[in-house]
Amino acid sequence: VVMLLLLLLARRRKAQQEAEKHLRMARALAEEQPFSADLDLPESSFEGLEVPPPSVKLATAPTPAPAPAPAPAPAPVVVTPPIAAPLVAPAADRSDDVLDKAQSHIAAGRLNQAAALLEEGIKQEPQRSDLRLKLMEVYGQQGDRDAFVAQERQLVANGDNFAQV
């Protein structure tokens, strides 16, 4: 019975100590200074981020003069022999493969290899905006601002991508 009473007293004392500890922590938090407005970024941190106006000037395309309709002539029938399937993979498959390989290089932290692979892919297919965007992502991770801006301008120069960028 005495042991049971001692055990209960020890538990009660431990609970009181925990309560006092929590009260001290609450007072310490209440005494801390609130966040100040000094955490806002100064205006000077945004220097150099101005977006230059687009350098591409679009001129209206001249309308072609209507050509007179030629008289229908009988077209000769030409029979072409069937062509065997190409031995080389189509370009779309290769470019997707380039994108997949570049993504695996990026995931492994090999940014230089990913950039070289994407640059070669862009040389082969300059109209592919997905390759340019992935290359811009690599340049952004490397901190290469000049190369990033150059790719961004190339992306904007393609009329299809102007609204997206």
Protein backbone atom coordinates (compact mmCIF):
# COMPACT_ATOMS: atom_id res chain seq x y z
CA VAL A 1 0.00 0.00 0.00
CA VAL A 2 2.84 2.36 0.87
CA MET A 3 4.53 1.59 -2.44
CA LEU A 4 1.35 2.40 -4.29
CA LEU A 5 1.07 5.76 -2.53
CA LEU A 6 4.70 6.58 -3.33
CA LEU A 7 4.13 5.69 -6.98
CA LEU A 8 1.06 7.94 -7.17
CA LEU A 9 2.95 10.82 -5.53
CA ALA A 10 5.85 10.42 -7.97
CA ARG A 11 3.49 10.50 -10.95
CA ARG A 12 1.69 13.57 -9.61
CA ARG A 13 4.98 15.39 -9.04
CA LYS A 14 6.20 14.52 -12.55
CA ALA A 15 2.92 15.80 -14.05
CA GLN A 16 3.30 19.09 -12.13
CA GLN A 17 6.87 19.48 -13.41
CA GLU A 18 5.69 18.93 -17.00
CA ALA A 19 2.93 21.52 -16.53
CA GLU A 20 5.44 24.06 -15.18
CA LYS A 21 7.75 23.35 -18.12
CA HIS A 22 4.93 24.00 -20.60
CA LEU A 23 4.01 27.25 -18.83
CA ARG A 24 7.63 28.46 -19.04
CA MET A 25 7.72 27.65 -22.75
CA ALA A 26 4.42 29.47 -23.33
CA ARG A 27 5.72 32.57 -21.52
CA ALA A 28 8.94 32.50 -23.56
CA LEU A 29 6.95 32.36 -26.79
CA ALA A 30 4.73 35.22 -25.66
CA GLU A 31 7.77 37.37 -24.86
CA GLU A 32 9.37 36.87 -28.28
CA GLN A 33 9.20 39.83 -30.62
CA PRO A 34 6.70 39.57 -33.45
CA PHE A 35 7.92 39.38 -37.03
CA SER A 36 8.96 42.74 -38.36
CA ALA A 37 8.25 44.28 -41.73
CA ASP A 38 11.99 44.18 -42.41
CA LEU A 39 11.55 40.74 -43.91
CA ASP A 40 10.22 42.31 -47.10
CA LEU A 41 12.69 42.29 -49.98
CA PRO A 42 14.23 45.66 -50.81
CA GLU A 43 13.43 47.20 -54.17
CA SER A 44 17.08 46.82 -55.22
CA SER A 45 16.74 43.03 -55.23
CA PHE A 46 14.56 43.28 -58.32
CA GLU A 47 17.11 45.17 -60.39
CA GLY A 48 17.92 43.60 -63.72
CA LEU A 49 14.67 41.64 -63.87
CA GLU A 50 12.93 44.03 -66.22
CA VAL A 51 11.51 42.26 -69.22
CA PRO A 52 12.75 43.84 -72.45
CA PRO A 53 10.12 44.53 -75.08
CA PRO A 54 9.88 41.87 -77.77
CA SER A 55 12.35 42.43 -80.56
CA VAL A 56 10.29 40.59 -83.15
CA LYS A 57 8.27 42.83 -85.45
CA LEU A 58 5.39 41.20 -87.27
CA ALA A 59 4.41 42.66 -90.62
CA THR A 60 1.12 41.96 -92.28
CA ALA A 61 1.41 39.32 -94.95
CA PRO A 62 0.54 40.50 -98.46
CA THR A 63 -2.62 38.95 -99.82
CA PRO A 64 -2.00 36.96 -102.97
CA ALA A 65 -3.84 38.00 -106.11
CA PRO A 66 -6.47 35.48 -107.11
CA ALA A 67 -5.08 33.25 -109.82
CA PRO A 68 -7.33 32.28 -112.72
CA ALA A 69 -8.60 28.75 -112.43
CA PRO A 70 -6.67 26.52 -114.84
CA ALA A 71 -8.61 24.28 -117.13
CA PRO A 72 -8.67 20.75 -115.79
CA ALA A 73 -6.28 18.55 -117.71
CA PRO A 74 -6.40 14.80 -117.59
CA ALA A 75 -3.83 13.72 -115.05
CA PRO A 76 -1.67 10.76 -115.99
CA VAL A 77 -1.95 7.81 -113.67
CA VAL A 78 1.39 6.96 -112.10
CA VAL A 79 1.84 3.72 -110.22
CA THR A 80 4.60 3.86 -107.62
CA PRO A 81 6.08 0.70 -106.18
CA PRO A 82 5.63 0.31 -102.41
CA ILE A 83 8.54 1.56 -100.33
CA ALA A 84 10.08 -0.69 -97.71
CA ALA A 85 9.83 0.42 -94.10
CA PRO A 86 12.69 2.71 -93.06
CA LEU A 87 15.46 1.23 -91.00
CA VAL A 88 15.92 4.42 -88.97
CA ALA A 89 13.54 5.40 -86.18
CA PRO A 90 11.34 8.43 -86.92
CA ALA A 91 12.60 11.80 -85.71
CA ALA A 92 9.79 12.14 -83.16
CA ASP A 93 10.89 8.96 -81.43
CA ARG A 94 14.49 10.13 -81.31
CA SER A 95 13.55 13.54 -79.90
CA ASP A 96 11.36 12.00 -77.21
CA ASP A 97 14.27 9.74 -76.44
CA VAL A 98 16.49 12.84 -76.16
CA LEU A 99 14.01 14.39 -73.75
CA ASP A 100 13.86 11.20 -71.67
CA LYS A 101 17.65 10.87 -71.60
CA ALA A 102 18.01 14.52 -70.61
CA GLN A 103 15.47 14.06 -67.81
CA SER A 104 17.41 11.07 -66.49
CA HIS A 105 20.65 13.11 -66.57
CA ILE A 106 18.91 15.93 -64.68
CA ALA A 107 17.57 13.51 -62.09
CA ALA A 108 21.09 12.12 -61.61
CA GLY A 109 22.52 15.64 -61.22
CA ARG A 110 24.51 15.55 -64.48
CA LEU A 111 23.35 18.95 -65.69
CA ASN A 112 26.23 19.53 -68.14
CA GLN A 113 25.50 16.27 -69.96
CA ALA A 114 21.78 17.06 -70.05
CA ALA A 115 22.50 20.52 -71.48
CA ALA A 116 24.79 19.10 -74.18
CA LEU A 117 22.20 16.48 -75.13
CA LEU A 118 19.40 19.06 -75.32
CA GLU A 119 21.53 21.50 -77.33
CA GLU A 120 22.23 18.78 -79.89
CA GLY A 121 18.53 17.92 -80.02
CA ILE A 122 17.65 21.57 -80.62
CA LYS A 123 20.20 21.76 -83.45
CA GLN A 124 18.44 18.84 -85.12
CA GLU A 125 14.92 20.12 -84.43
CA PRO A 126 14.95 23.89 -83.72
CA GLN A 127 11.15 24.13 -83.77
CA ARG A 128 10.75 21.86 -80.71
CA SER A 129 9.73 24.12 -77.85
CA ASP A 130 9.67 21.29 -75.30
CA LEU A 131 13.40 20.73 -75.80
CA ARG A 132 14.06 24.46 -75.39
CA LEU A 133 11.97 24.60 -72.22
CA LYS A 134 13.84 21.65 -70.72
CA LEU A 135 17.17 23.30 -71.67
CA MET A 136 15.99 26.51 -70.01
CA GLU A 137 15.21 24.47 -66.89
CA VAL A 138 18.76 23.07 -66.91
CA TYR A 139 20.26 26.53 -67.38
CA GLY A 140 18.11 27.80 -64.52
CA GLN A 141 19.39 25.07 -62.22
CA GLN A 142 22.97 25.85 -63.26
CA GLY A 143 22.45 29.58 -62.70
CA ASP A 144 23.46 30.39 -66.30
CA ARG A 145 21.31 33.48 -66.75
CA ASP A 146 22.71 34.53 -70.15
CA ALA A 147 22.10 31.14 -71.74
CA PHE A 148 18.63 31.02 -70.19
CA VAL A 149 17.71 34.43 -71.65
CA ALA A 150 19.13 33.44 -75.06
CA GLN A 151 16.94 30.32 -75.15
CA GLU A 152 13.95 32.34 -73.95
CA ARG A 153 14.40 34.78 -76.82
CA GLN A 154 14.64 31.92 -79.29
CA LEU A 155 11.45 30.49 -77.83
CA VAL A 156 9.67 33.84 -78.13
CA ALA A 157 10.96 34.31 -81.68
CA ASN A 158 8.93 31.28 -82.71
CA GLY A 159 5.52 32.82 -83.32
CA ASP A 160 3.63 29.80 -82.00
CA ASN A 161 5.17 30.19 -78.55
CA PHE A 162 4.83 33.97 -78.13
CA ALA A 163 1.53 33.76 -76.25
CA GLN A 164 2.76 30.96 -73.99
CA VAL A 165 5.97 32.69 -72.92
